Amino acid sequence: MKYDNDYIRKEADDKLKGKFRNLFMQNNIKLKEHSGSAGEDNGTNFYFDVTNENEEHIFFIINQNKGTCTDLQIKNEEI
């Protein structure tokens, strides 16, 4: 079965949000997710508001997520 673009986009979005949730939870930081496009391709998929346990704003992430049906090769490089 060939995956269509909607399926690939939703899977990529779910993976990104899950990774962010886990990363921030492990560091006692809250992640608030806001959909930027409601499924339309307007350039921004999600807005993430990152707060501490007192609900104080730490930083804001604007994301455009791209998905693929094949596994990606990820490199760890020192900066």
C-alpha atoms as a PDB file:
ATOM      1  CA  MET A   1       0.000   0.000   0.000  1.00  0.00           C
ATOM      2  CA  LYS A   2       1.293   3.428  -0.908  1.00  0.00           C
ATOM      3  CA  TYR A   3       0.948   6.112   1.759  1.00  0.00           C
ATOM      4  CA  ASP A   4      -0.683   9.350   0.640  1.00  0.00           C
ATOM      5  CA  ASN A   5       0.613  12.811   1.581  1.00  0.00           C
ATOM      6  CA  ASP A   6      -1.945  13.312   4.381  1.00  0.00           C
ATOM      7  CA  TYR A   7      -0.899  10.068   6.058  1.00  0.00           C
ATOM      8  CA  ILE A   8       2.798  10.906   5.788  1.00  0.00           C
ATOM      9  CA  ARG A   9       2.231  14.455   7.111  1.00  0.00           C
ATOM     10  CA  LYS A  10       0.205  13.227  10.108  1.00  0.00           C
ATOM     11  CA  GLU A  11       2.788  10.563  10.982  1.00  0.00           C
ATOM     12  CA  ALA A  12       5.624  13.101  10.764  1.00  0.00           C
ATOM     13  CA  ASP A  13       3.676  15.580  12.912  1.00  0.00           C
ATOM     14  CA  ASP A  14       2.936  12.930  15.549  1.00  0.00           C
ATOM     15  CA  LYS A  15       6.590  11.865  15.737  1.00  0.00           C
ATOM     16  CA  LEU A  16       7.820  15.439  16.109  1.00  0.00           C
ATOM     17  CA  LYS A  17       5.294  16.305  18.815  1.00  0.00           C
ATOM     18  CA  GLY A  18       6.056  13.087  20.707  1.00  0.00           C
ATOM     19  CA  LYS A  19       9.812  13.734  20.654  1.00  0.00           C
ATOM     20  CA  PHE A  20       9.291  17.317  21.864  1.00  0.00           C
ATOM     21  CA  ARG A  21       6.886  16.191  24.634  1.00  0.00           C
ATOM     22  CA  ASN A  22       9.365  13.628  25.940  1.00  0.00           C
ATOM     23  CA  LEU A  23      12.382  15.928  25.697  1.00  0.00           C
ATOM     24  CA  PHE A  24      10.742  18.773  27.578  1.00  0.00           C
ATOM     25  CA  MET A  25       9.018  16.516  30.158  1.00  0.00           C
ATOM     26  CA  GLN A  26      12.389  14.959  31.038  1.00  0.00           C
ATOM     27  CA  ASN A  27      13.669  18.459  31.751  1.00  0.00           C
ATOM     28  CA  ASN A  28      10.623  19.541  33.824  1.00  0.00           C
ATOM     29  CA  ILE A  29       9.443  21.919  31.115  1.00  0.00           C
ATOM     30  CA  LYS A  30       5.916  22.076  29.719  1.00  0.00           C
ATOM     31  CA  LEU A  31       5.154  22.056  26.019  1.00  0.00           C
ATOM     32  CA  LYS A  32       1.939  23.670  24.823  1.00  0.00           C
ATOM     33  CA  GLU A  33       1.007  22.750  21.266  1.00  0.00           C
ATOM     34  CA  HIS A  34      -1.001  24.912  18.905  1.00  0.00           C
ATOM     35  CA  SER A  35      -1.828  23.810  15.376  1.00  0.00           C
ATOM     36  CA  GLY A  36      -0.907  26.509  12.912  1.00  0.00           C
ATOM     37  CA  SER A  37      -2.603  25.180   9.834  1.00  0.00           C
ATOM     38  CA  ALA A  38      -5.429  22.781  10.721  1.00  0.00           C
ATOM     39  CA  GLY A  39      -4.210  20.482   7.952  1.00  0.00           C
ATOM     40  CA  GLU A  40      -3.634  23.116   5.294  1.00  0.00           C
ATOM     41  CA  ASP A  41      -0.167  23.677   3.903  1.00  0.00           C
ATOM     42  CA  ASN A  42       0.436  27.341   4.689  1.00  0.00           C
ATOM     43  CA  GLY A  43       4.058  27.048   5.760  1.00  0.00           C
ATOM     44  CA  THR A  44       3.676  26.742   9.540  1.00  0.00           C
ATOM     45  CA  ASN A  45       2.380  23.489  11.008  1.00  0.00           C
ATOM     46  CA  PHE A  46       2.749  24.056  14.735  1.00  0.00           C
ATOM     47  CA  TYR A  47       3.460  26.703  17.304  1.00  0.00           C
ATOM     48  CA  PHE A  48       5.015  25.401  20.498  1.00  0.00           C
ATOM     49  CA  ASP A  49       4.992  27.503  23.659  1.00  0.00           C
ATOM     50  CA  VAL A  50       7.526  26.230  26.172  1.00  0.00           C
ATOM     51  CA  THR A  51       6.886  27.123  29.815  1.00  0.00           C
ATOM     52  CA  ASN A  52       8.279  26.181  33.201  1.00  0.00           C
ATOM     53  CA  GLU A  53       6.301  24.537  36.003  1.00  0.00           C
ATOM     54  CA  ASN A  54       5.020  27.981  37.068  1.00  0.00           C
ATOM     55  CA  GLU A  55       3.559  28.523  33.576  1.00  0.00           C
ATOM     56  CA  GLU A  56       6.172  31.221  32.880  1.00  0.00           C
ATOM     57  CA  HIS A  57       7.119  31.563  29.223  1.00  0.00           C
ATOM     58  CA  ILE A  58      10.638  30.313  28.387  1.00  0.00           C
ATOM     59  CA  PHE A  59      10.646  30.308  24.586  1.00  0.00           C
ATOM     60  CA  PHE A  60       8.476  29.836  21.523  1.00  0.00           C
ATOM     61  CA  ILE A  61       9.020  27.507  18.546  1.00  0.00           C
ATOM     62  CA  ILE A  62       7.456  27.977  15.114  1.00  0.00           C
ATOM     63  CA  ASN A  63       7.705  24.778  13.086  1.00  0.00           C
ATOM     64  CA  GLN A  64       7.226  23.656   9.527  1.00  0.00           C
ATOM     65  CA  ASN A  65       7.395  19.886   9.542  1.00  0.00           C
ATOM     66  CA  LYS A  66       8.223  17.782   6.486  1.00  0.00           C
ATOM     67  CA  GLY A  67       7.619  14.049   6.335  1.00  0.00           C
ATOM     68  CA  THR A  68       8.878  11.231   4.183  1.00  0.00           C
ATOM     69  CA  CYS A  69       7.811   7.657   3.719  1.00  0.00           C
ATOM     70  CA  THR A  70      11.376   6.369   4.079  1.00  0.00           C
ATOM     71  CA  ASP A  71      13.661   6.375   7.100  1.00  0.00           C
ATOM     72  CA  LEU A  72      16.029   9.296   7.394  1.00  0.00           C
ATOM     73  CA  GLN A  73      19.753   9.050   7.952  1.00  0.00           C
ATOM     74  CA  ILE A  74      20.556  11.158  11.026  1.00  0.00           C
ATOM     75  CA  LYS A  75      24.095  12.348  11.638  1.00  0.00           C
ATOM     76  CA  ASN A  76      25.433  13.475  14.977  1.00  0.00           C
ATOM     77  CA  GLU A  77      28.033  16.130  14.388  1.00  0.00           C
ATOM     78  CA  GLU A  78      29.976  18.248  16.827  1.00  0.00           C
ATOM     79  CA  ILE A  79      29.480  21.954  16.350  1.00  0.00           C
END
